[in-house]
């Protein structure tokens, strides 16, 4: 198997896990994941990413905070502005992903209460035993955030290679002030996303579907 084949196999086997076992991931394995992810490129080699990782009681406390914050109607206050809208293919892909999830867990598209309950599973971290909070310096703006996106991708791929399931979650960043205060993250850093991670509950219906991907022909605009 070539290096390309190995990479492709890892990329295609990665998915967003929405149900985890309670078993913790060993510290050494988590360190291996970060050790691999830190090699991604960044502008001027700034390496702007930092990650705050919870385990045990710290995860449970953070989960409780997120559930309380989301259910009491706290207004979102993300450090990065949310997308203004999803249109065209972006809207269709978003809708398809949502409907695939609802179908997998047996929620009717018209059942707004159950759809809302499923959405709140984000703030329960899908019962993951760990969450990695990803942040970058505010002074580096969107380019620091873009570089850190590479770290997020590498983190999820390294985890997959080690048998650890992940789900990057922008939803957690909706409550950046609460996250920052609870985890002691400095005011001069932007809260970008969370990665909930652990070992997948492969029997859970929520883990039974896979999203589609655009083809190279849909992505590439050749010029010659």
C-alpha atoms as a PDB file:
ATOM      1  CA  UNK A   1       0.000   0.000   0.000  1.00  0.00           C
ATOM      2  CA  UNK A   2       1.389   3.421  -0.954  1.00  0.00           C
ATOM      3  CA  UNK A   3       1.421   6.459   1.336  1.00  0.00           C
ATOM      4  CA  UNK A   4      -1.342   7.942  -0.820  1.00  0.00           C
ATOM      5  CA  UNK A   5      -3.471   4.821  -0.349  1.00  0.00           C
ATOM      6  CA  UNK A   6      -2.942   4.949   3.412  1.00  0.00           C
ATOM      7  CA  UNK A   7      -3.905   8.628   3.550  1.00  0.00           C
ATOM      8  CA  UNK A   8      -6.982   8.091   1.384  1.00  0.00           C
ATOM      9  CA  UNK A   9      -8.066   5.151   3.508  1.00  0.00           C
ATOM     10  CA  UNK A  10      -7.790   7.297   6.641  1.00  0.00           C
ATOM     11  CA  UNK A  11      -9.647  10.207   5.020  1.00  0.00           C
ATOM     12  CA  UNK A  12     -12.518   8.052   3.801  1.00  0.00           C
ATOM     13  CA  UNK A  13     -12.860   6.142   7.071  1.00  0.00           C
ATOM     14  CA  UNK A  14     -13.086   9.318   9.171  1.00  0.00           C
ATOM     15  CA  UNK A  15     -16.608  10.460  10.014  1.00  0.00           C
ATOM     16  CA  UNK A  16     -18.327  12.698  12.533  1.00  0.00           C
ATOM     17  CA  UNK A  17     -19.178  10.456  15.467  1.00  0.00           C
ATOM     18  CA  UNK A  18     -22.444  11.272  17.249  1.00  0.00           C
ATOM     19  CA  UNK A  19     -22.441   8.582  19.943  1.00  0.00           C
ATOM     20  CA  UNK A  20     -19.486   7.640  22.121  1.00  0.00           C
ATOM     21  CA  UNK A  21     -18.655   4.981  24.666  1.00  0.00           C
ATOM     22  CA  UNK A  22     -17.719   6.293  28.132  1.00  0.00           C
ATOM     23  CA  UNK A  23     -14.231   4.736  28.026  1.00  0.00           C
ATOM     24  CA  UNK A  24     -11.487   7.369  28.312  1.00  0.00           C
ATOM     25  CA  UNK A  25      -8.678   7.655  25.789  1.00  0.00           C
ATOM     26  CA  UNK A  26      -5.226   7.164  27.357  1.00  0.00           C
ATOM     27  CA  UNK A  27      -3.184  10.335  27.789  1.00  0.00           C
ATOM     28  CA  UNK A  28      -0.381   8.890  25.673  1.00  0.00           C
ATOM     29  CA  UNK A  29      -2.773   8.342  22.765  1.00  0.00           C
ATOM     30  CA  UNK A  30      -4.105  11.898  23.016  1.00  0.00           C
ATOM     31  CA  UNK A  31      -0.540  13.194  23.017  1.00  0.00           C
ATOM     32  CA  UNK A  32       0.198  11.113  19.908  1.00  0.00           C
ATOM     33  CA  UNK A  33      -2.771  12.730  18.141  1.00  0.00           C
ATOM     34  CA  UNK A  34      -1.555  16.238  18.938  1.00  0.00           C
ATOM     35  CA  UNK A  35       2.030  15.284  18.092  1.00  0.00           C
ATOM     36  CA  UNK A  36       0.919  14.339  14.573  1.00  0.00           C
ATOM     37  CA  UNK A  37      -1.468  17.276  14.095  1.00  0.00           C
ATOM     38  CA  UNK A  38       1.159  19.893  14.991  1.00  0.00           C
ATOM     39  CA  UNK A  39       3.000  19.251  11.711  1.00  0.00           C
ATOM     40  CA  UNK A  40       0.417  20.991   9.505  1.00  0.00           C
ATOM     41  CA  UNK A  41       1.564  24.141   7.659  1.00  0.00           C
ATOM     42  CA  UNK A  42       0.853  27.681   8.838  1.00  0.00           C
ATOM     43  CA  UNK A  43       1.500  31.190   7.540  1.00  0.00           C
ATOM     44  CA  UNK A  44       5.049  32.252   8.492  1.00  0.00           C
ATOM     45  CA  UNK A  45       5.196  29.094  10.631  1.00  0.00           C
ATOM     46  CA  UNK A  46       3.183  30.938  13.302  1.00  0.00           C
ATOM     47  CA  UNK A  47       1.569  27.673  14.499  1.00  0.00           C
ATOM     48  CA  UNK A  48      -1.322  29.623  16.067  1.00  0.00           C
ATOM     49  CA  UNK A  49      -3.276  26.633  17.370  1.00  0.00           C
ATOM     50  CA  UNK A  50      -3.660  25.792  21.010  1.00  0.00           C
ATOM     51  CA  UNK A  51      -5.913  23.096  22.419  1.00  0.00           C
ATOM     52  CA  UNK A  52      -7.509  22.765  25.857  1.00  0.00           C
ATOM     53  CA  UNK A  53      -8.416  19.124  26.494  1.00  0.00           C
ATOM     54  CA  UNK A  54     -10.762  17.853  29.190  1.00  0.00           C
ATOM     55  CA  UNK A  55     -11.054  14.421  30.745  1.00  0.00           C
ATOM     56  CA  UNK A  56     -13.001  12.811  33.579  1.00  0.00           C
ATOM     57  CA  UNK A  57     -14.827  15.244  35.849  1.00  0.00           C
ATOM     58  CA  UNK A  58     -13.641  18.193  33.777  1.00  0.00           C
ATOM     59  CA  UNK A  59     -15.522  16.856  30.743  1.00  0.00           C
ATOM     60  CA  UNK A  60     -18.652  16.265  32.813  1.00  0.00           C
ATOM     61  CA  UNK A  61     -18.505  19.793  34.241  1.00  0.00           C
ATOM     62  CA  UNK A  62     -18.045  21.304  30.795  1.00  0.00           C
ATOM     63  CA  UNK A  63     -20.886  19.200  29.390  1.00  0.00           C
ATOM     64  CA  UNK A  64     -23.186  20.387  32.188  1.00  0.00           C
ATOM     65  CA  UNK A  65     -22.256  24.016  31.506  1.00  0.00           C
ATOM     66  CA  UNK A  66     -22.945  23.688  27.785  1.00  0.00           C
ATOM     67  CA  UNK A  67     -26.324  22.007  28.303  1.00  0.00           C
ATOM     68  CA  UNK A  68     -27.372  24.636  30.839  1.00  0.00           C
ATOM     69  CA  UNK A  69     -26.186  27.500  28.633  1.00  0.00           C
ATOM     70  CA  UNK A  70     -27.945  26.195  25.523  1.00  0.00           C
ATOM     71  CA  UNK A  71     -31.234  25.268  27.209  1.00  0.00           C
ATOM     72  CA  UNK A  72     -31.747  28.502  29.126  1.00  0.00           C
ATOM     73  CA  UNK A  73     -31.876  30.555  25.935  1.00  0.00           C
ATOM     74  CA  UNK A  74     -28.470  32.232  26.125  1.00  0.00           C
ATOM     75  CA  UNK A  75     -27.875  34.338  23.034  1.00  0.00           C
ATOM     76  CA  UNK A  76     -25.034  33.057  20.831  1.00  0.00           C
ATOM     77  CA  UNK A  77     -21.880  35.173  20.915  1.00  0.00           C
ATOM     78  CA  UNK A  78     -19.259  33.467  18.719  1.00  0.00           C
ATOM     79  CA  UNK A  79     -15.834  35.031  18.309  1.00  0.00           C
ATOM     80  CA  UNK A  80     -16.041  34.451  14.540  1.00  0.00           C
ATOM     81  CA  UNK A  81     -19.175  35.596  12.748  1.00  0.00           C
ATOM     82  CA  UNK A  82     -21.510  32.798  11.704  1.00  0.00           C
ATOM     83  CA  UNK A  83     -22.061  32.278   7.959  1.00  0.00           C
ATOM     84  CA  UNK A  84     -24.549  34.839   6.653  1.00  0.00           C
ATOM     85  CA  UNK A  85     -26.397  32.118   4.735  1.00  0.00           C
ATOM     86  CA  UNK A  86     -26.091  28.754   3.009  1.00  0.00           C
ATOM     87  CA  UNK A  87     -27.173  28.871  -0.638  1.00  0.00           C
ATOM     88  CA  UNK A  88     -27.120  26.554  -3.643  1.00  0.00           C
ATOM     89  CA  UNK A  89     -25.017  23.422  -3.224  1.00  0.00           C
ATOM     90  CA  UNK A  90     -24.006  24.461   0.305  1.00  0.00           C
ATOM     91  CA  UNK A  91     -27.621  24.608   1.415  1.00  0.00           C
ATOM     92  CA  UNK A  92     -28.445  21.302  -0.239  1.00  0.00           C
ATOM     93  CA  UNK A  93     -25.494  19.515   1.370  1.00  0.00           C
ATOM     94  CA  UNK A  94     -26.427  20.903   4.771  1.00  0.00           C
ATOM     95  CA  UNK A  95     -30.041  19.790   4.403  1.00  0.00           C
ATOM     96  CA  UNK A  96     -29.045  16.343   3.154  1.00  0.00           C
ATOM     97  CA  UNK A  97     -26.727  15.785   6.103  1.00  0.00           C
ATOM     98  CA  UNK A  98     -29.468  16.775   8.541  1.00  0.00           C
ATOM     99  CA  UNK A  99     -32.046  14.523   6.916  1.00  0.00           C
ATOM    100  CA  UNK A 100     -29.601  11.599   6.871  1.00  0.00           C
ATOM    101  CA  UNK A 101     -29.124  12.008  10.614  1.00  0.00           C
ATOM    102  CA  UNK A 102     -32.862  12.221  11.293  1.00  0.00           C
ATOM    103  CA  UNK A 103     -33.479   9.125   9.181  1.00  0.00           C
ATOM    104  CA  UNK A 104     -30.721   7.232  10.978  1.00  0.00           C
ATOM    105  CA  UNK A 105     -32.145   7.940  14.443  1.00  0.00           C
ATOM    106  CA  UNK A 106     -35.786   7.579  13.400  1.00  0.00           C
ATOM    107  CA  UNK A 107     -36.911  11.217  13.653  1.00  0.00           C
ATOM    108  CA  UNK A 108     -39.649  12.378  11.294  1.00  0.00           C
ATOM    109  CA  UNK A 109     -38.721  15.544   9.419  1.00  0.00           C
ATOM    110  CA  UNK A 110     -41.926  17.172  10.697  1.00  0.00           C
ATOM    111  CA  UNK A 111     -41.154  16.385  14.366  1.00  0.00           C
ATOM    112  CA  UNK A 112     -39.681  19.669  15.501  1.00  0.00           C
ATOM    113  CA  UNK A 113     -39.465  18.674  19.170  1.00  0.00           C
ATOM    114  CA  UNK A 114     -37.348  15.599  18.448  1.00  0.00           C
ATOM    115  CA  UNK A 115     -35.211  17.520  15.973  1.00  0.00           C
ATOM    116  CA  UNK A 116     -34.546  20.140  18.659  1.00  0.00           C
ATOM    117  CA  UNK A 117     -33.673  17.409  21.164  1.00  0.00           C
ATOM    118  CA  UNK A 118     -31.239  15.895  18.684  1.00  0.00           C
ATOM    119  CA  UNK A 119     -29.652  19.319  18.149  1.00  0.00           C
ATOM    120  CA  UNK A 120     -29.105  19.630  21.902  1.00  0.00           C
ATOM    121  CA  UNK A 121     -27.032  16.456  21.777  1.00  0.00           C
ATOM    122  CA  UNK A 122     -24.285  18.774  20.476  1.00  0.00           C
ATOM    123  CA  UNK A 123     -24.092  20.390  23.909  1.00  0.00           C
ATOM    124  CA  UNK A 124     -24.003  17.017  25.651  1.00  0.00           C
ATOM    125  CA  UNK A 125     -20.894  16.431  23.519  1.00  0.00           C
ATOM    126  CA  UNK A 126     -22.618  13.277  22.262  1.00  0.00           C
ATOM    127  CA  UNK A 127     -21.558  11.688  25.583  1.00  0.00           C
ATOM    128  CA  UNK A 128     -17.878  11.838  24.620  1.00  0.00           C
ATOM    129  CA  UNK A 129     -15.375  11.359  27.449  1.00  0.00           C
ATOM    130  CA  UNK A 130     -13.179  14.179  26.143  1.00  0.00           C
ATOM    131  CA  UNK A 131     -13.474  17.522  24.432  1.00  0.00           C
ATOM    132  CA  UNK A 132     -10.648  19.427  22.778  1.00  0.00           C
ATOM    133  CA  UNK A 133     -11.326  23.167  22.672  1.00  0.00           C
ATOM    134  CA  UNK A 134      -9.505  24.728  19.738  1.00  0.00           C
ATOM    135  CA  UNK A 135      -8.433  28.377  19.888  1.00  0.00           C
ATOM    136  CA  UNK A 136      -6.099  30.782  18.099  1.00  0.00           C
ATOM    137  CA  UNK A 137      -4.765  34.326  18.723  1.00  0.00           C
ATOM    138  CA  UNK A 138      -7.264  37.095  18.015  1.00  0.00           C
ATOM    139  CA  UNK A 139      -4.458  39.248  16.565  1.00  0.00           C
ATOM    140  CA  UNK A 140      -3.982  36.776  13.685  1.00  0.00           C
ATOM    141  CA  UNK A 141      -7.640  37.086  12.694  1.00  0.00           C
ATOM    142  CA  UNK A 142      -9.158  34.864  10.020  1.00  0.00           C
ATOM    143  CA  UNK A 143      -5.758  33.726   8.736  1.00  0.00           C
ATOM    144  CA  UNK A 144      -4.820  32.350  12.130  1.00  0.00           C
ATOM    145  CA  UNK A 145      -8.213  30.655  12.215  1.00  0.00           C
ATOM    146  CA  UNK A 146      -7.635  29.235   8.731  1.00  0.00           C
ATOM    147  CA  UNK A 147      -4.255  27.819   9.771  1.00  0.00           C
ATOM    148  CA  UNK A 148      -5.865  26.310  12.845  1.00  0.00           C
ATOM    149  CA  UNK A 149      -8.447  24.650  10.618  1.00  0.00           C
ATOM    150  CA  UNK A 150      -5.588  22.596   9.225  1.00  0.00           C
ATOM    151  CA  UNK A 151      -4.770  21.498  12.768  1.00  0.00           C
ATOM    152  CA  UNK A 152      -8.400  20.449  13.297  1.00  0.00           C
ATOM    153  CA  UNK A 153      -8.297  18.306  10.156  1.00  0.00           C
ATOM    154  CA  UNK A 154      -4.997  16.704  11.123  1.00  0.00           C
ATOM    155  CA  UNK A 155      -6.255  16.053  14.656  1.00  0.00           C
ATOM    156  CA  UNK A 156      -9.283  14.159  13.357  1.00  0.00           C
ATOM    157  CA  UNK A 157      -7.186  12.138  10.886  1.00  0.00           C
ATOM    158  CA  UNK A 158      -4.527  11.229  13.443  1.00  0.00           C
ATOM    159  CA  UNK A 159      -7.291  10.191  15.844  1.00  0.00           C
ATOM    160  CA  UNK A 160      -8.905   8.031  13.162  1.00  0.00           C
ATOM    161  CA  UNK A 161      -5.563   6.345  12.461  1.00  0.00           C
ATOM    162  CA  UNK A 162      -5.334   5.455  16.166  1.00  0.00           C
ATOM    163  CA  UNK A 163      -8.898   4.135  16.391  1.00  0.00           C
ATOM    164  CA  UNK A 164     -10.294   7.226  18.131  1.00  0.00           C
ATOM    165  CA  UNK A 165     -13.548   8.770  16.881  1.00  0.00           C
ATOM    166  CA  UNK A 166     -14.095  12.527  16.652  1.00  0.00           C
ATOM    167  CA  UNK A 167     -16.631  15.195  15.788  1.00  0.00           C
ATOM    168  CA  UNK A 168     -15.613  18.832  15.223  1.00  0.00           C
ATOM    169  CA  UNK A 169     -18.337  21.098  16.639  1.00  0.00           C
ATOM    170  CA  UNK A 170     -18.812  24.733  15.719  1.00  0.00           C
ATOM    171  CA  UNK A 171     -21.958  24.727  17.888  1.00  0.00           C
ATOM    172  CA  UNK A 172     -19.871  24.919  21.058  1.00  0.00           C
ATOM    173  CA  UNK A 173     -18.183  28.104  19.824  1.00  0.00           C
ATOM    174  CA  UNK A 174     -21.589  29.811  19.843  1.00  0.00           C
ATOM    175  CA  UNK A 175     -21.034  30.364  23.552  1.00  0.00           C
ATOM    176  CA  UNK A 176     -17.456  31.606  23.408  1.00  0.00           C
ATOM    177  CA  UNK A 177     -17.671  33.835  26.529  1.00  0.00           C
ATOM    178  CA  UNK A 178     -18.913  30.970  28.695  1.00  0.00           C
ATOM    179  CA  UNK A 179     -16.331  28.566  27.237  1.00  0.00           C
ATOM    180  CA  UNK A 180     -13.525  31.037  27.804  1.00  0.00           C
ATOM    181  CA  UNK A 181     -14.477  31.734  31.411  1.00  0.00           C
ATOM    182  CA  UNK A 182     -15.059  28.095  32.338  1.00  0.00           C
ATOM    183  CA  UNK A 183     -11.851  26.742  30.801  1.00  0.00           C
ATOM    184  CA  UNK A 184      -9.656  29.710  31.702  1.00  0.00           C
ATOM    185  CA  UNK A 185      -8.807  30.581  28.100  1.00  0.00           C
ATOM    186  CA  UNK A 186      -7.278  34.046  27.697  1.00  0.00           C
ATOM    187  CA  UNK A 187      -9.361  36.912  26.332  1.00  0.00           C
ATOM    188  CA  UNK A 188      -6.888  37.466  23.488  1.00  0.00           C
ATOM    189  CA  UNK A 189      -7.659  34.071  21.924  1.00  0.00           C
ATOM    190  CA  UNK A 190     -10.544  33.227  19.620  1.00  0.00           C
ATOM    191  CA  UNK A 191     -12.690  30.203  20.426  1.00  0.00           C
ATOM    192  CA  UNK A 192     -12.975  28.414  17.064  1.00  0.00           C
ATOM    193  CA  UNK A 193     -14.564  25.028  17.670  1.00  0.00           C
ATOM    194  CA  UNK A 194     -14.600  21.974  19.871  1.00  0.00           C
ATOM    195  CA  UNK A 195     -13.630  18.437  18.944  1.00  0.00           C
ATOM    196  CA  UNK A 196     -15.483  15.884  21.038  1.00  0.00           C
ATOM    197  CA  UNK A 197     -13.650  12.592  20.946  1.00  0.00           C
ATOM    198  CA  UNK A 198     -13.421   9.089  22.364  1.00  0.00           C
ATOM    199  CA  UNK A 199     -14.294   5.592  21.210  1.00  0.00           C
ATOM    200  CA  UNK A 200     -17.320   5.247  18.942  1.00  0.00           C
ATOM    201  CA  UNK A 201     -20.441   3.395  19.998  1.00  0.00           C
ATOM    202  CA  UNK A 202     -20.715   1.493  16.750  1.00  0.00           C
ATOM    203  CA  UNK A 203     -24.147   0.133  17.685  1.00  0.00           C
ATOM    204  CA  UNK A 204     -25.701   3.614  17.883  1.00  0.00           C
ATOM    205  CA  UNK A 205     -28.030   4.524  14.972  1.00  0.00           C
ATOM    206  CA  UNK A 206     -26.554   8.037  14.832  1.00  0.00           C
ATOM    207  CA  UNK A 207     -23.271   6.522  13.659  1.00  0.00           C
ATOM    208  CA  UNK A 208     -24.848   4.484  10.878  1.00  0.00           C
ATOM    209  CA  UNK A 209     -24.751   7.012   8.034  1.00  0.00           C
ATOM    210  CA  UNK A 210     -22.011   8.711   6.035  1.00  0.00           C
ATOM    211  CA  UNK A 211     -22.220  12.029   4.226  1.00  0.00           C
ATOM    212  CA  UNK A 212     -21.549  12.360   0.508  1.00  0.00           C
ATOM    213  CA  UNK A 213     -18.653  14.323  -0.970  1.00  0.00           C
ATOM    214  CA  UNK A 214     -18.441  16.458  -4.095  1.00  0.00           C
ATOM    215  CA  UNK A 215     -16.429  14.888  -6.916  1.00  0.00           C
ATOM    216  CA  UNK A 216     -13.101  16.310  -8.186  1.00  0.00           C
ATOM    217  CA  UNK A 217     -14.989  17.479 -11.311  1.00  0.00           C
ATOM    218  CA  UNK A 218     -17.274  19.572  -9.102  1.00  0.00           C
ATOM    219  CA  UNK A 219     -14.333  21.087  -7.251  1.00  0.00           C
ATOM    220  CA  UNK A 220     -11.647  21.763  -9.869  1.00  0.00           C
ATOM    221  CA  UNK A 221     -11.773  24.685 -12.286  1.00  0.00           C
ATOM    222  CA  UNK A 222      -9.012  23.882 -14.795  1.00  0.00           C
ATOM    223  CA  UNK A 223      -7.185  26.688 -16.593  1.00  0.00           C
ATOM    224  CA  UNK A 224      -4.796  26.029 -19.475  1.00  0.00           C
END
